[in-house]
Amino acid sequence: MNMRRGYATLAGVTAVIVLICSAIYLGVEAAQGRTAVRTAVGSPAVWVGTWAAAPVQADLQDTARGDRSVRNVVHTSIGGSAARLTLSNLAGREPLHIARVSLALRAGTTAAAVPGTLRRVTFRKAEAVTIAPGGQFVSDPVTLGIPYNGDLLVSIHTPADGPVTLHPRARQTSYLADGDRTDDVSGDTYTEQTFAWRHLTAVDVLTQDVRGAVVTIGDSITDGVTSTIDTNRRWPDRLFERLNAHGTEQFAVVNQGISGNRLLLEGRGPSALARFDRDVLARPGVRTVIVAIGINDLLRASYEPDAASVTAGLTQLARRAQARDLRVLGATLLPCAGHHRCTRAVQEARQDINAAVRSGRIFDAVVDFDRALRDPYAPGRLLPRYDSGDHLHPSDAGFARMARAVDPARL
């Protein structure tokens, strides 16, 4: 063995020992009936994404308001023995100064934390961090029993005026307060509500129990823009429930949908082609990708809808994921008849794209959302009970049906 290989082997052994040691302790049982964190000792723990929200834009309304705290409410898929956070300034043009961050388990349905669970978050052992324009920063690990299918509070204090990279249309109530309120357990100081996630773009957990993560990339349908607020009824949420319905949690499900997002061109946020590496391939523990995007490329096009270009873009995503040894499932595009932008040309292009997806030449497997949700007597339309009312986005029942259309065996 040469010296370089010896050092590499030693580093690998050391990393495994660190991961195992970090997981050998008793997890705490979550309040409000949440599942207790399991603490198996033996197999090495790994980092897996449990939640994410793709960054979209900088909120100009907040750039003039410093000395504020935001308490982001996020819903986990899998749990673990520790967590780490990703904070983002990807949409900012100025440095983002963050003075203090805390993590806690949420108590009930308010801004209150479960007593005894609030933890200070550090960044390279410092409480404060400055994130360069276009950058992001991953926190140090936080030792805390993270529940399966539970709510976390991530509170962030920004002392000065500055940019706010956010994910709008979160379908989740979060909270704002004046001053540094990151240590507030009761949540009483968080008197203002917000419906966007600010600064926070990912939560990973240290776990020994799961096989990996399923990452879904898409537009407003994946983002769950018409799902009932504060109920976690987006189709990726319902997919997690389905995959782990019998207490055998094996897969995390991470939602990387952006409302208004397109496959080929920048619109609401970078195109799926542009953000694929960051939002999908870079997610820790990813094993499977579900691609459900393309309808906005047809509905929002200033030219005749081009099925061939969308199909080529979907093929490119699939090949990039397969090059990383990931399994890729492709979704057919939902019916849209009745929507004001859904012309005959859009419907024809949609059918051509769906035929290409079903052909088996692009993806490893197919999720046929079109067939699952369309009206059998009017195939160009959503079945009424699956229609939110705008003839494009599903209802809560429609999102549940989408989750049932995913065959767990194909993951």
Protein backbone atom coordinates (compact mmCIF):
# COMPACT_ATOMS: atom_id res chain seq x y z
CA MET A 1 0.00 0.00 0.00
CA ASN A 2 1.48 3.38 -0.98
CA MET A 3 1.37 6.36 1.38
CA ARG A 4 -1.47 8.19 -0.46
CA ARG A 5 -3.69 5.11 -0.41
CA GLY A 6 -2.88 4.56 3.26
CA TYR A 7 -3.95 8.08 4.16
CA ALA A 8 -7.15 7.66 2.16
CA THR A 9 -7.97 4.40 3.95
CA LEU A 10 -7.30 5.96 7.34
CA ALA A 11 -9.52 8.93 6.50
CA GLY A 12 -12.33 6.65 5.43
CA VAL A 13 -12.14 4.58 8.62
CA THR A 14 -12.08 7.76 10.70
CA ALA A 15 -15.16 9.13 8.94
CA VAL A 16 -17.12 5.93 9.62
CA ILE A 17 -16.11 6.00 13.30
CA VAL A 18 -17.23 9.62 13.62
CA LEU A 19 -20.61 8.85 12.05
CA ILE A 20 -21.19 5.84 14.28
CA CYS A 21 -20.20 7.69 17.43
CA SER A 22 -22.44 10.62 16.60
CA ALA A 23 -25.43 8.30 16.45
CA ILE A 24 -24.88 6.28 19.66
CA TYR A 25 -27.05 8.02 22.19
CA LEU A 26 -30.65 7.89 23.30
CA GLY A 27 -32.98 9.89 21.09
CA VAL A 28 -35.78 11.88 22.67
CA GLU A 29 -39.40 11.01 22.10
CA ALA A 30 -41.23 13.71 20.20
CA ALA A 31 -44.20 15.37 21.80
CA GLN A 32 -47.77 15.40 20.54
CA GLY A 33 -47.76 11.67 19.70
CA ARG A 34 -44.98 11.79 17.12
CA THR A 35 -42.91 8.70 16.44
CA ALA A 36 -39.93 8.23 18.74
CA VAL A 37 -36.51 8.40 17.10
CA ARG A 38 -34.94 4.98 16.72
CA THR A 39 -31.37 4.47 17.85
CA ALA A 40 -30.06 1.32 16.30
CA VAL A 41 -26.35 0.74 16.84
CA GLY A 42 -24.35 -1.16 14.29
CA SER A 43 -24.71 0.09 10.72
CA PRO A 44 -23.02 3.44 10.05
CA ALA A 45 -25.24 6.51 10.05
CA VAL A 46 -25.46 8.64 6.90
CA TRP A 47 -26.88 12.04 6.01
CA VAL A 48 -30.17 11.96 4.10
CA GLY A 49 -32.37 14.89 3.11
CA THR A 50 -35.67 14.96 5.00
CA TRP A 51 -37.02 18.30 3.72
CA ALA A 52 -36.12 20.92 1.12
CA ALA A 53 -37.56 23.95 -0.61
CA ALA A 54 -36.01 25.18 -3.83
CA PRO A 55 -34.90 28.84 -3.56
CA VAL A 56 -36.71 31.08 -6.00
CA GLN A 57 -36.21 34.80 -5.51
CA ALA A 58 -35.12 37.63 -3.24
CA ASP A 59 -38.02 39.36 -1.50
CA LEU A 60 -37.43 43.06 -2.11
CA GLN A 61 -40.06 44.01 0.46
CA ASP A 62 -37.91 42.60 3.23
CA THR A 63 -34.58 44.13 2.23
CA ALA A 64 -35.32 47.32 4.17
CA ARG A 65 -36.28 45.58 7.43
CA GLY A 66 -33.41 44.49 9.60
CA ASP A 67 -33.37 43.19 13.19
CA ARG A 68 -36.02 40.57 12.55
CA SER A 69 -36.48 36.89 13.23
CA VAL A 70 -38.30 34.41 11.03
CA ARG A 71 -39.52 31.14 12.50
CA ASN A 72 -39.80 28.72 9.56
CA VAL A 73 -42.13 25.78 10.11
CA VAL A 74 -41.02 22.74 8.10
CA HIS A 75 -42.40 19.22 7.99
CA THR A 76 -39.99 16.28 8.03
CA SER A 77 -40.33 13.06 6.13
CA ILE A 78 -37.79 10.83 7.87
CA GLY A 79 -36.26 11.34 11.31
CA GLY A 80 -32.80 10.84 12.75
CA SER A 81 -30.41 11.45 15.61
CA ALA A 82 -29.10 14.83 14.40
CA ALA A 83 -29.85 17.50 11.82
CA ARG A 84 -28.02 20.04 9.70
CA LEU A 85 -29.47 23.07 7.94
CA THR A 86 -28.72 24.73 4.61
CA LEU A 87 -29.15 28.51 4.58
CA SER A 88 -29.18 30.31 1.25
CA ASN A 89 -28.38 33.65 -0.33
CA LEU A 90 -28.68 32.26 -3.83
CA ALA A 91 -31.02 35.01 -4.99
CA GLY A 92 -29.24 37.84 -3.18
CA ARG A 93 -26.96 40.49 -4.68
CA GLU A 94 -25.49 41.55 -1.35
CA PRO A 95 -23.93 39.54 1.50
CA LEU A 96 -26.47 38.06 3.91
CA HIS A 97 -25.60 38.50 7.60
CA ILE A 98 -27.20 36.01 9.99
CA ALA A 99 -26.60 36.59 13.70
CA ARG A 100 -28.23 33.57 15.29
CA VAL A 101 -30.16 30.42 14.36
CA SER A 102 -32.05 27.90 16.47
CA LEU A 103 -33.69 24.54 15.83
CA ALA A 104 -36.52 23.01 17.86
CA LEU A 105 -39.40 20.58 17.67
CA ARG A 106 -42.72 22.30 17.19
CA ALA A 107 -45.39 22.10 19.91
CA GLY A 108 -48.88 21.75 18.49
CA THR A 109 -49.87 24.06 15.64
CA THR A 110 -48.46 27.38 16.86
CA ALA A 111 -45.02 29.03 16.86
CA ALA A 112 -44.19 27.39 20.21
CA ALA A 113 -41.34 24.92 20.69
CA VAL A 114 -41.47 21.71 22.67
CA PRO A 115 -39.75 22.60 25.98
CA GLY A 116 -36.25 21.21 26.23
CA THR A 117 -35.77 20.75 22.48
CA LEU A 118 -34.52 24.21 21.43
CA ARG A 119 -30.91 24.08 20.23
CA ARG A 120 -28.53 26.80 19.09
CA VAL A 121 -27.19 26.17 15.58
CA THR A 122 -23.56 26.94 14.73
CA PHE A 123 -21.57 27.38 11.55
CA ARG A 124 -17.98 26.20 11.83
CA LYS A 125 -18.52 26.56 15.59
CA ALA A 126 -19.63 30.21 15.31
CA GLU A 127 -23.18 31.41 15.96
CA ALA A 128 -23.07 34.08 13.25
CA VAL A 129 -22.47 33.53 9.56
CA THR A 130 -22.20 35.74 6.48
CA ILE A 131 -23.25 34.19 3.17
CA ALA A 132 -21.91 35.65 -0.06
CA PRO A 133 -24.27 36.64 -2.90
CA GLY A 134 -25.30 33.55 -4.79
CA GLY A 135 -23.97 31.27 -2.06
CA GLN A 136 -25.24 28.94 0.61
CA PHE A 137 -23.89 27.59 3.89
CA VAL A 138 -24.43 24.25 5.66
CA SER A 139 -24.56 24.31 9.46
CA ASP A 140 -22.69 22.15 11.90
CA PRO A 141 -24.60 19.01 12.99
CA VAL A 142 -27.20 19.65 15.71
CA THR A 143 -27.75 16.78 18.14
CA LEU A 144 -31.52 16.44 18.49
CA GLY A 145 -33.96 13.60 18.05
CA ILE A 146 -35.71 14.51 14.78
CA PRO A 147 -39.16 12.91 14.43
CA TYR A 148 -40.57 11.13 11.43
CA ASN A 149 -43.44 13.02 9.83
CA GLY A 150 -43.21 15.89 12.33
CA ASP A 151 -42.77 19.65 12.44
CA LEU A 152 -39.54 21.55 13.12
CA LEU A 153 -39.02 25.23 13.92
CA VAL A 154 -35.99 26.86 12.31
CA SER A 155 -35.64 30.40 13.68
CA ILE A 156 -33.24 32.84 11.99
CA HIS A 157 -32.28 36.33 13.16
CA THR A 158 -30.95 38.83 10.61
CA PRO A 159 -29.65 41.95 12.42
CA ALA A 160 -29.33 44.30 9.45
CA ASP A 161 -31.08 45.15 6.22
CA GLY A 162 -30.37 42.58 3.56
CA PRO A 163 -31.69 40.21 0.91
CA VAL A 164 -34.17 37.44 1.61
CA THR A 165 -33.92 34.35 -0.56
CA LEU A 166 -37.24 32.59 -0.23
CA HIS A 167 -39.59 29.93 -1.47
CA PRO A 168 -43.02 31.52 -1.99
CA ARG A 169 -46.33 29.67 -1.94
CA ALA A 170 -45.13 27.36 0.79
CA ARG A 171 -48.69 26.32 1.77
CA GLN A 172 -47.36 26.47 5.31
CA THR A 173 -47.75 29.20 7.91
CA SER A 174 -44.46 30.45 9.34
CA TYR A 175 -43.91 33.40 11.67
CA LEU A 176 -42.06 36.74 11.97
CA ALA A 177 -40.98 38.76 15.00
CA ASP A 178 -39.01 41.94 15.69
CA GLY A 179 -35.57 41.54 17.26
CA ASP A 180 -33.68 38.36 18.12
CA ARG A 181 -36.36 35.87 19.17
CA THR A 182 -34.54 32.70 18.22
CA ASP A 183 -34.54 31.52 21.87
CA ASP A 184 -38.27 32.16 22.41
CA VAL A 185 -39.78 28.82 23.46
CA SER A 186 -43.36 30.05 23.86
CA GLY A 187 -43.54 31.68 20.42
CA ASP A 188 -45.55 34.58 21.84
CA THR A 189 -43.31 37.19 20.22
CA TYR A 190 -43.98 35.82 16.73
CA THR A 191 -47.05 37.93 16.04
CA GLU A 192 -46.86 38.17 12.24
CA GLN A 193 -47.53 35.36 9.79
CA THR A 194 -45.77 34.61 6.51
CA PHE A 195 -46.52 32.05 3.84
CA ALA A 196 -43.02 31.72 2.40
CA TRP A 197 -39.96 29.90 3.68
CA ARG A 198 -37.12 32.40 4.15
CA HIS A 199 -33.35 31.77 4.06
CA LEU A 200 -33.78 28.02 4.72
CA THR A 201 -33.57 25.63 1.77
CA ALA A 202 -32.83 22.18 3.23
CA VAL A 203 -32.81 20.02 6.36
CA ASP A 204 -30.80 16.79 6.42
CA VAL A 205 -30.84 14.17 9.16
CA LEU A 206 -28.30 11.64 10.37
CA THR A 207 -29.93 8.22 10.18
CA GLN A 208 -29.23 4.50 10.15
CA ASP A 209 -32.73 3.40 9.25
CA VAL A 210 -33.58 4.41 5.70
CA ARG A 211 -32.52 3.34 2.22
CA GLY A 212 -32.31 6.84 0.81
CA ALA A 213 -34.35 9.72 -0.56
CA VAL A 214 -36.82 10.12 -3.41
CA VAL A 215 -36.50 13.63 -4.85
CA THR A 216 -39.40 15.07 -6.85
CA ILE A 217 -38.72 17.93 -9.25
CA GLY A 218 -41.55 19.82 -10.87
CA ASP A 219 -43.71 22.93 -11.08
CA SER A 220 -46.72 24.20 -9.10
CA ILE A 221 -48.38 20.79 -9.22
CA THR A 222 -45.44 19.27 -7.34
CA ASP A 223 -45.15 22.40 -5.19
CA GLY A 224 -48.75 21.72 -4.12
CA VAL A 225 -49.97 25.24 -4.80
CA THR A 226 -53.67 24.32 -4.49
CA SER A 227 -53.36 21.93 -1.53
CA THR A 228 -55.00 22.91 1.75
CA ILE A 229 -52.64 25.11 3.72
CA ASP A 230 -50.95 23.69 6.86
CA THR A 231 -52.07 20.12 6.12
CA ASN A 232 -49.11 18.67 4.15
CA ARG A 233 -51.31 17.31 1.37
CA ARG A 234 -49.03 17.92 -1.60
CA TRP A 235 -48.57 14.77 -3.65
CA PRO A 236 -44.95 14.23 -2.46
CA ASP A 237 -46.23 14.41 1.15
CA ARG A 238 -48.88 11.84 0.39
CA LEU A 239 -46.29 9.69 -1.39
CA PHE A 240 -44.16 9.61 1.76
CA GLU A 241 -47.20 8.53 3.78
CA ARG A 242 -47.90 5.77 1.30
CA LEU A 243 -44.34 4.48 1.17
CA ASN A 244 -44.08 4.38 4.94
CA ALA A 245 -47.64 3.49 5.91
CA HIS A 246 -46.72 0.35 7.84
CA GLY A 247 -44.07 1.75 10.13
CA THR A 248 -41.22 0.53 7.92
CA GLU A 249 -39.74 3.89 6.97
CA GLN A 250 -37.31 3.25 4.15
CA PHE A 251 -37.43 6.34 1.95
CA ALA A 252 -37.38 10.05 2.58
CA VAL A 253 -39.35 12.15 0.08
CA VAL A 254 -37.94 15.59 -0.76
CA ASN A 255 -40.05 18.12 -2.68
CA GLN A 256 -38.20 20.37 -5.16
CA GLY A 257 -41.21 21.81 -6.94
CA ILE A 258 -41.42 25.51 -7.84
CA SER A 259 -44.71 27.14 -8.82
CA GLY A 260 -44.46 28.49 -12.36
CA ASN A 261 -41.24 26.62 -13.05
CA ARG A 262 -40.35 25.51 -16.57
CA LEU A 263 -38.14 22.76 -17.90
CA LEU A 264 -36.32 24.64 -20.63
CA LEU A 265 -36.35 28.36 -19.84
CA GLU A 266 -36.03 30.52 -16.77
CA GLY A 267 -39.38 31.69 -15.46
CA ARG A 268 -40.28 31.34 -11.82
CA GLY A 269 -36.82 30.43 -10.70
CA PRO A 270 -34.13 28.85 -12.85
CA SER A 271 -35.25 26.24 -15.35
CA ALA A 272 -35.30 22.62 -14.24
CA LEU A 273 -32.34 21.99 -16.54
CA ALA A 274 -30.37 24.76 -14.83
CA ARG A 275 -31.21 23.83 -11.22
CA PHE A 276 -31.13 20.04 -11.56
CA ASP A 277 -27.60 19.57 -10.21
CA ARG A 278 -28.20 21.77 -7.16
CA ASP A 279 -31.76 20.79 -6.29
CA VAL A 280 -31.66 17.09 -7.17
CA LEU A 281 -28.24 15.54 -7.79
CA ALA A 282 -26.63 17.29 -4.82
CA ARG A 283 -29.29 16.17 -2.32
CA PRO A 284 -27.71 13.82 0.25
CA GLY A 285 -28.91 10.24 0.13
CA VAL A 286 -30.85 10.61 -3.14
CA ARG A 287 -31.60 7.24 -4.72
CA THR A 288 -34.57 7.94 -6.99
CA VAL A 289 -35.77 10.98 -8.96
CA ILE A 290 -39.34 11.62 -10.11
CA VAL A 291 -39.51 14.19 -12.93
CA ALA A 292 -42.91 15.89 -13.31
CA ILE A 293 -42.44 19.04 -15.35
CA GLY A 294 -43.13 20.49 -18.79
CA ILE A 295 -46.68 21.83 -18.83
CA ASN A 296 -45.56 25.44 -18.24
CA ASP A 297 -43.26 25.18 -21.25
CA LEU A 298 -46.43 24.67 -23.27
CA LEU A 299 -48.83 27.00 -21.47
CA ARG A 300 -46.42 29.93 -21.16
CA ALA A 301 -44.72 29.64 -24.54
CA SER A 302 -44.67 32.73 -26.78
CA TYR A 303 -44.34 30.39 -29.75
CA GLU A 304 -46.14 27.29 -30.98
CA PRO A 305 -45.77 24.62 -28.26
CA ASP A 306 -42.85 22.39 -29.14
CA ALA A 307 -43.21 18.82 -27.89
CA ALA A 308 -39.85 17.79 -29.37
CA SER A 309 -37.91 20.37 -27.31
CA VAL A 310 -39.67 19.36 -24.09
CA THR A 311 -39.04 15.69 -24.81
CA ALA A 312 -35.35 16.43 -25.46
CA GLY A 313 -35.15 18.33 -22.15
CA LEU A 314 -36.73 15.45 -20.24
CA THR A 315 -34.28 13.07 -21.87
CA GLN A 316 -31.37 15.26 -20.79
CA LEU A 317 -32.55 15.22 -17.15
CA ALA A 318 -32.90 11.46 -17.23
CA ARG A 319 -29.43 10.89 -18.66
CA ARG A 320 -27.81 13.24 -16.13
CA ALA A 321 -29.42 11.37 -13.24
CA GLN A 322 -28.66 7.95 -14.68
CA ALA A 323 -25.01 8.97 -15.05
CA ARG A 324 -25.02 9.23 -11.23
CA ASP A 325 -26.52 5.73 -10.93
CA LEU A 326 -29.88 7.13 -9.86
CA ARG A 327 -33.20 5.60 -10.84
CA VAL A 328 -35.40 8.05 -12.76
CA LEU A 329 -39.17 7.94 -13.05
CA GLY A 330 -40.91 10.21 -15.55
CA ALA A 331 -44.44 11.54 -15.08
CA THR A 332 -46.96 12.20 -17.81
CA LEU A 333 -48.43 15.71 -18.01
CA LEU A 334 -51.90 16.19 -16.53
CA PRO A 335 -54.95 17.16 -18.60
CA CYS A 336 -55.67 20.89 -18.77
CA ALA A 337 -58.82 21.40 -20.87
CA GLY A 338 -60.85 24.27 -19.47
CA HIS A 339 -57.82 26.30 -18.40
CA HIS A 340 -57.63 29.59 -20.29
CA ARG A 341 -54.16 28.86 -21.69
CA CYS A 342 -54.85 25.27 -22.64
CA THR A 343 -55.31 25.58 -26.39
CA ARG A 344 -55.74 22.79 -28.88
CA ALA A 345 -52.05 23.13 -29.78
CA VAL A 346 -51.10 22.72 -26.10
CA GLN A 347 -53.24 19.59 -25.81
CA GLU A 348 -51.70 18.07 -28.93
CA ALA A 349 -48.17 18.81 -27.70
CA ARG A 350 -49.03 17.39 -24.27
CA GLN A 351 -50.24 14.16 -25.85
CA ASP A 352 -47.05 13.88 -27.91
CA ILE A 353 -44.91 14.37 -24.79
CA ASN A 354 -46.93 11.80 -22.85
CA ALA A 355 -46.55 9.28 -25.65
CA ALA A 356 -42.77 9.77 -25.53
CA VAL A 357 -42.73 9.35 -21.75
CA ARG A 358 -44.83 6.18 -21.96
CA SER A 359 -42.62 4.73 -24.69
CA GLY A 360 -39.97 3.65 -22.18
CA ARG A 361 -37.16 5.23 -24.17
CA ILE A 362 -36.54 8.13 -21.78
CA PHE A 363 -37.04 7.01 -18.18
CA ASP A 364 -36.44 3.88 -16.16
CA ALA A 365 -40.14 3.77 -15.29
CA VAL A 366 -43.29 5.80 -15.86
CA VAL A 367 -45.73 7.44 -13.43
CA ASP A 368 -48.91 7.97 -15.44
CA PHE A 369 -50.52 10.94 -13.69
CA ASP A 370 -52.53 11.71 -16.85
CA ARG A 371 -54.25 8.34 -16.84
CA ALA A 372 -54.80 8.43 -13.07
CA LEU A 373 -56.53 11.82 -12.94
CA ARG A 374 -58.24 12.34 -16.31
CA ASP A 375 -61.97 12.14 -16.82
CA PRO A 376 -62.61 8.89 -18.74
CA TYR A 377 -65.50 10.55 -20.57
CA ALA A 378 -63.48 13.66 -21.45
CA PRO A 379 -59.79 12.60 -21.43
CA GLY A 380 -58.54 16.13 -22.04
CA ARG A 381 -59.93 17.23 -18.67
CA LEU A 382 -59.27 16.41 -15.04
CA LEU A 383 -61.93 14.31 -13.35
CA PRO A 384 -64.05 16.86 -11.43
CA ARG A 385 -63.29 15.46 -7.98
CA TYR A 386 -59.57 15.72 -8.75
CA ASP A 387 -59.83 19.29 -10.07
CA SER A 388 -59.08 22.21 -7.71
CA GLY A 389 -61.38 24.34 -9.83
CA ASP A 390 -58.91 25.97 -12.20
CA HIS A 391 -58.80 22.91 -14.51
CA LEU A 392 -55.01 22.68 -14.21
CA HIS A 393 -54.05 22.02 -10.59
CA PRO A 394 -55.35 19.02 -8.62
CA SER A 395 -57.45 19.17 -5.47
CA ASP A 396 -56.40 17.46 -2.24
CA ALA A 397 -58.12 14.33 -3.54
CA GLY A 398 -56.21 14.70 -6.79
CA PHE A 399 -52.87 14.95 -4.99
CA ALA A 400 -53.71 11.81 -3.01
CA ARG A 401 -54.56 10.03 -6.27
CA MET A 402 -51.21 11.10 -7.74
CA ALA A 403 -49.40 9.52 -4.80
CA ARG A 404 -51.32 6.28 -5.35
CA ALA A 405 -50.24 6.30 -9.00
CA VAL A 406 -46.59 5.84 -8.00
CA ASP A 407 -45.75 2.14 -7.83
CA PRO A 408 -43.45 1.59 -4.80
CA ALA A 409 -41.93 -1.41 -6.50
CA ARG A 410 -40.55 0.84 -9.26
CA LEU A 411 -38.63 3.00 -6.79
